[in-house]
Amino acid sequence: RKVQNLSQNVFSSPTQKSASDYNNFDREFLSEKPKLSYSDKNLIESMDQSAFNGFSFINPKFEQILNK
């Protein structure tokens, strides 16, 4: 009988009322202002960027850094 009970899925998904329902997130986390990480142009240029081929979005601020 114990083995049968282990086969049940005990994971429960948090309920979400809509795509913009953020009730399951910590309020402190949600109140933090987002900020971009510092990026060093030389470091970025030295890294293999091929993993990002096909991405359609480039942050305009990042483009400004690369074009300096």
Protein backbone atom coordinates (compact mmCIF):
# COMPACT_ATOMS: atom_id res chain seq x y z
CA ARG A 1 0.00 0.00 0.00
CA LYS A 2 2.88 2.43 0.74
CA VAL A 3 4.29 1.86 -2.75
CA GLN A 4 0.93 2.70 -4.29
CA ASN A 5 0.83 5.99 -2.37
CA LEU A 6 4.31 6.95 -3.62
CA SER A 7 3.15 6.78 -7.22
CA GLN A 8 0.71 9.64 -6.70
CA ASN A 9 1.78 13.04 -7.90
CA VAL A 10 2.16 15.13 -4.74
CA PHE A 11 3.33 18.27 -6.53
CA SER A 12 0.67 20.94 -6.66
CA SER A 13 0.95 23.89 -9.00
CA PRO A 14 0.25 27.33 -7.62
CA THR A 15 -3.04 28.72 -8.79
CA GLN A 16 -2.93 31.55 -11.27
CA LYS A 17 -5.98 33.65 -12.15
CA SER A 18 -4.49 35.20 -15.30
CA ALA A 19 -1.21 35.63 -17.17
CA SER A 20 -0.55 38.80 -15.17
CA ASP A 21 -1.34 37.28 -11.75
CA TYR A 22 1.79 37.71 -9.59
CA ASN A 23 0.30 36.71 -6.23
CA ASN A 24 2.71 33.78 -5.86
CA PHE A 25 5.79 36.02 -5.99
CA ASP A 26 7.36 37.60 -2.94
CA ARG A 27 6.28 41.25 -2.54
CA GLU A 28 9.84 42.34 -1.70
CA PHE A 29 11.10 40.76 -4.93
CA LEU A 30 8.40 42.50 -6.95
CA SER A 31 9.15 45.87 -5.39
CA GLU A 32 12.81 45.88 -6.47
CA LYS A 33 13.65 48.11 -9.40
CA PRO A 34 15.13 46.10 -12.30
CA LYS A 35 18.58 47.17 -13.46
CA LEU A 36 20.94 46.08 -16.18
CA SER A 37 24.21 44.45 -15.25
CA TYR A 38 27.42 46.29 -16.00
CA SER A 39 28.94 45.02 -19.22
CA ASP A 40 32.55 45.43 -20.23
CA LYS A 41 32.87 45.95 -24.00
CA ASN A 42 36.24 44.14 -24.16
CA LEU A 43 34.94 41.16 -22.21
CA ILE A 44 31.86 40.87 -24.40
CA GLU A 45 33.89 41.10 -27.60
CA SER A 46 36.24 38.36 -26.35
CA MET A 47 33.37 35.93 -25.73
CA ASP A 48 31.93 33.55 -28.32
CA GLN A 49 28.58 35.12 -29.23
CA SER A 50 27.50 32.34 -31.63
CA ALA A 51 25.24 30.86 -28.93
CA PHE A 52 23.02 33.88 -29.44
CA ASN A 53 22.64 33.55 -33.23
CA GLY A 54 19.00 33.80 -34.21
CA PHE A 55 17.94 35.98 -31.29
CA SER A 56 15.73 38.78 -32.54
CA PHE A 57 15.98 41.20 -29.61
CA ILE A 58 18.98 43.36 -28.84
CA ASN A 59 18.73 45.79 -25.94
CA PRO A 60 19.23 49.29 -27.38
CA LYS A 61 21.43 50.28 -24.41
CA PHE A 62 23.62 47.25 -25.07
CA GLU A 63 23.95 48.23 -28.73
CA GLN A 64 25.14 51.69 -27.64
CA ILE A 65 27.86 50.09 -25.50
CA LEU A 66 29.06 47.90 -28.36
CA ASN A 67 29.14 50.81 -30.80
CA LYS A 68 31.33 53.01 -28.57
